[in-house]
Amino acid sequence: MKTAFDKFINNNPQERELFDREYRNFVLSEFVLEKMEQKNLSVRAMAKKSGVSPTVIQKIRGKNAENINYKTFSSVLYTLGYQFTVVPLKQSVLSPKQRKKLVKNFTAP
């Protein structure tokens, strides 16, 4: 039996691309949130240390960071003690089995 994910995402290339893009944004946002909490940094403190506006930090935290440029995001990561690394792009970061498990866990009550 096909899941709703299979029907609407896996079988539709446009929807799949949108899902993957939104998932990457979600993961980056959650990463920044977690690291800010670990370092006990408020939005204003993070903005001041990274040299970007509090609005930009709010956008990243709110998963609305589509138009944040490399330099800005790099500065945020550097403030948190991280940097970008360029690696070859794979067909998919998660295997289909891992995706199904993720979706199942995400949608479970």
N, C-alpha and C. Protein backbone atom coordinates (compact mmCIF):
# COMPACT_ATOMS: atom_id res chain seq x y z
N MET A 1 0.84 -1.18 0.00
CA MET A 1 0.00 0.00 0.00
C MET A 1 0.88 1.25 0.00
N LYS A 2 0.57 2.17 -0.88
CA LYS A 2 1.34 3.40 -0.96
C LYS A 2 0.87 4.38 0.12
N THR A 3 1.85 5.06 0.68
CA THR A 3 1.54 6.09 1.67
C THR A 3 1.17 7.38 0.95
N ALA A 4 0.62 8.31 1.69
CA ALA A 4 0.31 9.62 1.12
C ALA A 4 1.59 10.29 0.65
N PHE A 5 2.67 10.07 1.36
CA PHE A 5 3.97 10.61 0.96
C PHE A 5 4.37 10.08 -0.41
N ASP A 6 4.21 8.78 -0.61
CA ASP A 6 4.53 8.19 -1.90
C ASP A 6 3.65 8.76 -3.01
N LYS A 7 2.37 8.86 -2.73
CA LYS A 7 1.42 9.33 -3.75
C LYS A 7 1.67 10.78 -4.15
N PHE A 8 1.89 11.65 -3.17
CA PHE A 8 1.94 13.07 -3.46
C PHE A 8 3.34 13.66 -3.56
N ILE A 9 4.32 13.00 -2.98
CA ILE A 9 5.67 13.55 -3.00
C ILE A 9 6.59 12.74 -3.90
N ASN A 10 6.73 11.47 -3.61
CA ASN A 10 7.67 10.64 -4.36
C ASN A 10 7.32 10.50 -5.83
N ASN A 11 6.05 10.55 -6.16
CA ASN A 11 5.63 10.36 -7.55
C ASN A 11 5.47 11.66 -8.33
N ASN A 12 5.82 12.78 -7.71
CA ASN A 12 5.67 14.08 -8.37
C ASN A 12 7.00 14.84 -8.22
N PRO A 13 7.78 14.94 -9.29
CA PRO A 13 9.10 15.58 -9.20
C PRO A 13 9.07 17.01 -8.66
N GLN A 14 8.07 17.80 -9.03
CA GLN A 14 8.00 19.18 -8.54
C GLN A 14 7.73 19.20 -7.03
N GLU A 15 6.81 18.36 -6.60
CA GLU A 15 6.51 18.29 -5.17
C GLU A 15 7.71 17.75 -4.40
N ARG A 16 8.41 16.81 -4.99
CA ARG A 16 9.58 16.23 -4.35
C ARG A 16 10.67 17.29 -4.18
N GLU A 17 10.89 18.09 -5.20
CA GLU A 17 11.88 19.16 -5.12
C GLU A 17 11.51 20.17 -4.04
N LEU A 18 10.24 20.54 -4.00
CA LEU A 18 9.76 21.48 -2.97
C LEU A 18 9.93 20.88 -1.58
N PHE A 19 9.56 19.61 -1.41
CA PHE A 19 9.72 18.94 -0.12
C PHE A 19 11.18 18.94 0.32
N ASP A 20 12.08 18.56 -0.58
CA ASP A 20 13.50 18.50 -0.25
C ASP A 20 14.04 19.88 0.15
N ARG A 21 13.65 20.91 -0.58
CA ARG A 21 14.10 22.27 -0.27
C ARG A 21 13.58 22.72 1.10
N GLU A 22 12.31 22.48 1.34
CA GLU A 22 11.74 22.88 2.63
C GLU A 22 12.32 22.06 3.78
N TYR A 23 12.62 20.80 3.52
CA TYR A 23 13.23 19.97 4.55
C TYR A 23 14.63 20.48 4.89
N ARG A 24 15.41 20.84 3.88
CA ARG A 24 16.75 21.39 4.15
C ARG A 24 16.66 22.68 4.96
N ASN A 25 15.71 23.55 4.62
CA ASN A 25 15.52 24.78 5.39
C ASN A 25 15.15 24.47 6.83
N PHE A 26 14.27 23.49 7.01
CA PHE A 26 13.85 23.08 8.35
C PHE A 26 15.05 22.59 9.16
N VAL A 27 15.87 21.74 8.56
CA VAL A 27 17.03 21.18 9.26
C VAL A 27 18.01 22.29 9.65
N LEU A 28 18.29 23.21 8.74
CA LEU A 28 19.20 24.31 9.06
C LEU A 28 18.65 25.18 10.18
N SER A 29 17.36 25.47 10.12
CA SER A 29 16.73 26.28 11.14
C SER A 29 16.80 25.59 12.50
N GLU A 30 16.49 24.32 12.53
CA GLU A 30 16.55 23.57 13.79
C GLU A 30 17.97 23.50 14.33
N PHE A 31 18.95 23.38 13.45
CA PHE A 31 20.34 23.36 13.85
C PHE A 31 20.71 24.67 14.54
N VAL A 32 20.37 25.79 13.91
CA VAL A 32 20.68 27.10 14.49
C VAL A 32 19.97 27.27 15.82
N LEU A 33 18.71 26.90 15.90
CA LEU A 33 17.97 27.00 17.16
C LEU A 33 18.64 26.21 18.27
N GLU A 34 19.01 24.97 17.97
CA GLU A 34 19.64 24.11 18.97
C GLU A 34 20.97 24.70 19.45
N LYS A 35 21.78 25.16 18.53
CA LYS A 35 23.09 25.70 18.91
C LYS A 35 22.95 27.01 19.68
N MET A 36 21.97 27.83 19.32
CA MET A 36 21.73 29.07 20.08
C MET A 36 21.32 28.73 21.51
N GLU A 37 20.46 27.73 21.67
CA GLU A 37 20.04 27.32 23.01
C GLU A 37 21.22 26.78 23.80
N GLN A 38 22.06 25.96 23.17
CA GLN A 38 23.23 25.40 23.85
C GLN A 38 24.18 26.49 24.32
N LYS A 39 24.31 27.56 23.53
CA LYS A 39 25.21 28.66 23.88
C LYS A 39 24.48 29.75 24.66
N ASN A 40 23.20 29.51 24.94
CA ASN A 40 22.38 30.46 25.68
C ASN A 40 22.41 31.86 25.05
N LEU A 41 22.22 31.89 23.72
CA LEU A 41 22.23 33.15 22.97
C LEU A 41 20.81 33.57 22.61
N SER A 42 20.46 34.78 22.96
CA SER A 42 19.18 35.33 22.53
C SER A 42 19.30 35.79 21.08
N VAL A 43 18.19 36.15 20.50
CA VAL A 43 18.20 36.66 19.12
C VAL A 43 19.06 37.90 19.03
N ARG A 44 18.89 38.82 19.95
CA ARG A 44 19.68 40.07 19.91
C ARG A 44 21.18 39.81 20.11
N ALA A 45 21.51 38.93 21.05
CA ALA A 45 22.92 38.61 21.29
C ALA A 45 23.53 37.93 20.07
N MET A 46 22.78 37.03 19.47
CA MET A 46 23.27 36.33 18.28
C MET A 46 23.48 37.32 17.14
N ALA A 47 22.53 38.23 16.97
CA ALA A 47 22.63 39.24 15.91
C ALA A 47 23.87 40.11 16.13
N LYS A 48 24.07 40.55 17.34
CA LYS A 48 25.22 41.42 17.64
C LYS A 48 26.54 40.69 17.40
N LYS A 49 26.65 39.45 17.87
CA LYS A 49 27.90 38.70 17.72
C LYS A 49 28.19 38.35 16.26
N SER A 50 27.14 38.07 15.49
CA SER A 50 27.36 37.66 14.10
C SER A 50 27.36 38.84 13.13
N GLY A 51 26.97 40.02 13.60
CA GLY A 51 26.99 41.20 12.74
C GLY A 51 25.84 41.26 11.74
N VAL A 52 24.73 40.62 12.08
CA VAL A 52 23.55 40.68 11.22
C VAL A 52 22.37 41.22 12.05
N SER A 53 21.32 41.58 11.39
CA SER A 53 20.19 42.17 12.10
C SER A 53 19.39 41.09 12.85
N PRO A 54 18.73 41.48 13.93
CA PRO A 54 17.86 40.54 14.64
C PRO A 54 16.77 39.97 13.75
N THR A 55 16.33 40.75 12.77
CA THR A 55 15.31 40.27 11.83
C THR A 55 15.79 39.05 11.05
N VAL A 56 17.04 39.07 10.65
CA VAL A 56 17.62 37.94 9.91
C VAL A 56 17.67 36.71 10.81
N ILE A 57 18.08 36.89 12.05
CA ILE A 57 18.13 35.76 12.99
C ILE A 57 16.72 35.21 13.19
N GLN A 58 15.74 36.08 13.31
CA GLN A 58 14.34 35.64 13.45
C GLN A 58 13.89 34.85 12.23
N LYS A 59 14.28 35.29 11.04
CA LYS A 59 13.91 34.58 9.82
C LYS A 59 14.51 33.18 9.82
N ILE A 60 15.76 33.07 10.21
CA ILE A 60 16.40 31.75 10.26
C ILE A 60 15.70 30.88 11.30
N ARG A 61 15.43 31.43 12.46
CA ARG A 61 14.76 30.66 13.51
C ARG A 61 13.34 30.28 13.11
N GLY A 62 12.70 31.13 12.31
CA GLY A 62 11.33 30.89 11.90
C GLY A 62 11.20 30.09 10.62
N LYS A 63 12.29 29.48 10.18
CA LYS A 63 12.29 28.64 8.97
C LYS A 63 11.89 29.44 7.74
N ASN A 64 12.21 30.72 7.74
CA ASN A 64 11.86 31.60 6.62
C ASN A 64 13.14 32.23 6.06
N ALA A 65 14.15 31.39 5.86
CA ALA A 65 15.46 31.91 5.50
C ALA A 65 15.80 31.70 4.03
N GLU A 66 14.83 31.63 3.17
CA GLU A 66 15.10 31.36 1.76
C GLU A 66 15.97 32.40 1.09
N ASN A 67 15.87 33.65 1.49
CA ASN A 67 16.62 34.71 0.82
C ASN A 67 17.84 35.18 1.62
N ILE A 68 18.29 34.37 2.55
CA ILE A 68 19.49 34.70 3.31
C ILE A 68 20.70 34.32 2.46
N ASN A 69 21.63 35.25 2.28
CA ASN A 69 22.77 34.95 1.41
C ASN A 69 23.86 34.16 2.15
N TYR A 70 24.79 33.67 1.38
CA TYR A 70 25.87 32.84 1.91
C TYR A 70 26.66 33.57 2.99
N LYS A 71 27.05 34.80 2.72
CA LYS A 71 27.87 35.57 3.66
C LYS A 71 27.16 35.72 5.02
N THR A 72 25.89 36.02 4.98
CA THR A 72 25.12 36.20 6.21
C THR A 72 25.02 34.89 6.98
N PHE A 73 24.63 33.83 6.29
CA PHE A 73 24.47 32.55 6.97
C PHE A 73 25.81 32.03 7.47
N SER A 74 26.86 32.26 6.69
CA SER A 74 28.20 31.86 7.09
C SER A 74 28.60 32.56 8.39
N SER A 75 28.28 33.83 8.51
CA SER A 75 28.57 34.59 9.72
C SER A 75 27.82 34.03 10.92
N VAL A 76 26.57 33.66 10.71
CA VAL A 76 25.78 33.06 11.79
C VAL A 76 26.40 31.74 12.22
N LEU A 77 26.74 30.89 11.25
CA LEU A 77 27.36 29.61 11.58
C LEU A 77 28.69 29.81 12.31
N TYR A 78 29.50 30.74 11.83
CA TYR A 78 30.80 31.00 12.45
C TYR A 78 30.63 31.42 13.91
N THR A 79 29.64 32.25 14.17
CA THR A 79 29.36 32.69 15.54
C THR A 79 29.01 31.50 16.43
N LEU A 80 28.38 30.49 15.84
CA LEU A 80 28.01 29.30 16.59
C LEU A 80 29.14 28.27 16.65
N GLY A 81 30.26 28.58 15.99
CA GLY A 81 31.41 27.68 16.01
C GLY A 81 31.42 26.66 14.89
N TYR A 82 30.76 26.99 13.78
CA TYR A 82 30.68 26.08 12.63
C TYR A 82 31.04 26.81 11.35
N GLN A 83 31.27 26.03 10.30
CA GLN A 83 31.53 26.59 8.98
C GLN A 83 30.93 25.69 7.91
N PHE A 84 30.78 26.24 6.72
CA PHE A 84 30.31 25.46 5.59
C PHE A 84 31.41 24.53 5.11
N THR A 85 31.01 23.37 4.64
CA THR A 85 31.92 22.45 3.97
C THR A 85 31.25 22.03 2.68
N VAL A 86 32.00 22.05 1.60
CA VAL A 86 31.46 21.66 0.30
C VAL A 86 31.75 20.18 0.09
N VAL A 87 30.69 19.42 -0.15
CA VAL A 87 30.80 17.99 -0.43
C VAL A 87 29.98 17.68 -1.68
N PRO A 88 30.32 16.61 -2.38
CA PRO A 88 29.54 16.25 -3.57
C PRO A 88 28.08 16.00 -3.21
N LEU A 89 27.20 16.45 -4.07
CA LEU A 89 25.78 16.25 -3.87
C LEU A 89 25.41 14.83 -4.26
N LYS A 90 24.71 14.16 -3.37
CA LYS A 90 24.23 12.82 -3.67
C LYS A 90 22.83 12.92 -4.23
N GLN A 91 22.35 11.84 -4.76
CA GLN A 91 20.98 11.80 -5.27
C GLN A 91 20.00 12.20 -4.16
N SER A 92 20.27 11.73 -2.97
CA SER A 92 19.41 12.02 -1.85
C SER A 92 20.21 11.85 -0.57
N VAL A 93 19.98 12.71 0.39
CA VAL A 93 20.66 12.58 1.68
C VAL A 93 20.09 11.40 2.44
N LEU A 94 18.80 11.22 2.37
CA LEU A 94 18.14 10.10 3.04
C LEU A 94 17.73 9.05 2.00
N SER A 95 17.84 7.80 2.39
CA SER A 95 17.36 6.74 1.52
C SER A 95 15.83 6.75 1.54
N PRO A 96 15.18 6.15 0.55
CA PRO A 96 13.72 6.08 0.56
C PRO A 96 13.19 5.44 1.84
N LYS A 97 13.88 4.43 2.34
CA LYS A 97 13.45 3.76 3.58
C LYS A 97 13.55 4.73 4.77
N GLN A 98 14.64 5.50 4.82
CA GLN A 98 14.81 6.47 5.90
C GLN A 98 13.76 7.57 5.81
N ARG A 99 13.43 8.01 4.58
CA ARG A 99 12.40 9.03 4.40
C ARG A 99 11.05 8.54 4.90
N LYS A 100 10.70 7.30 4.51
CA LYS A 100 9.42 6.75 4.95
C LYS A 100 9.34 6.69 6.47
N LYS A 101 10.43 6.28 7.09
CA LYS A 101 10.46 6.20 8.55
C LYS A 101 10.31 7.60 9.15
N LEU A 102 11.01 8.57 8.59
CA LEU A 102 10.92 9.95 9.06
C LEU A 102 9.49 10.46 8.92
N VAL A 103 8.89 10.26 7.77
CA VAL A 103 7.52 10.74 7.54
C VAL A 103 6.55 10.02 8.47
N LYS A 104 6.72 8.72 8.63
CA LYS A 104 5.85 7.96 9.51
C LYS A 104 5.94 8.47 10.93
N ASN A 105 7.16 8.70 11.42
CA ASN A 105 7.35 9.21 12.77
C ASN A 105 6.84 10.63 12.92
N PHE A 106 6.98 11.41 11.87
CA PHE A 106 6.56 12.81 11.90
C PHE A 106 5.04 12.93 11.94
N THR A 107 4.35 12.03 11.24
CA THR A 107 2.89 12.14 11.14
C THR A 107 2.16 11.29 12.16
N ALA A 108 2.90 10.48 12.93
CA ALA A 108 2.23 9.65 13.94
C ALA A 108 1.66 10.52 15.05
N PRO A 109 0.49 10.13 15.61
CA PRO A 109 -0.12 10.93 16.69
C PRO A 109 0.71 10.90 17.96
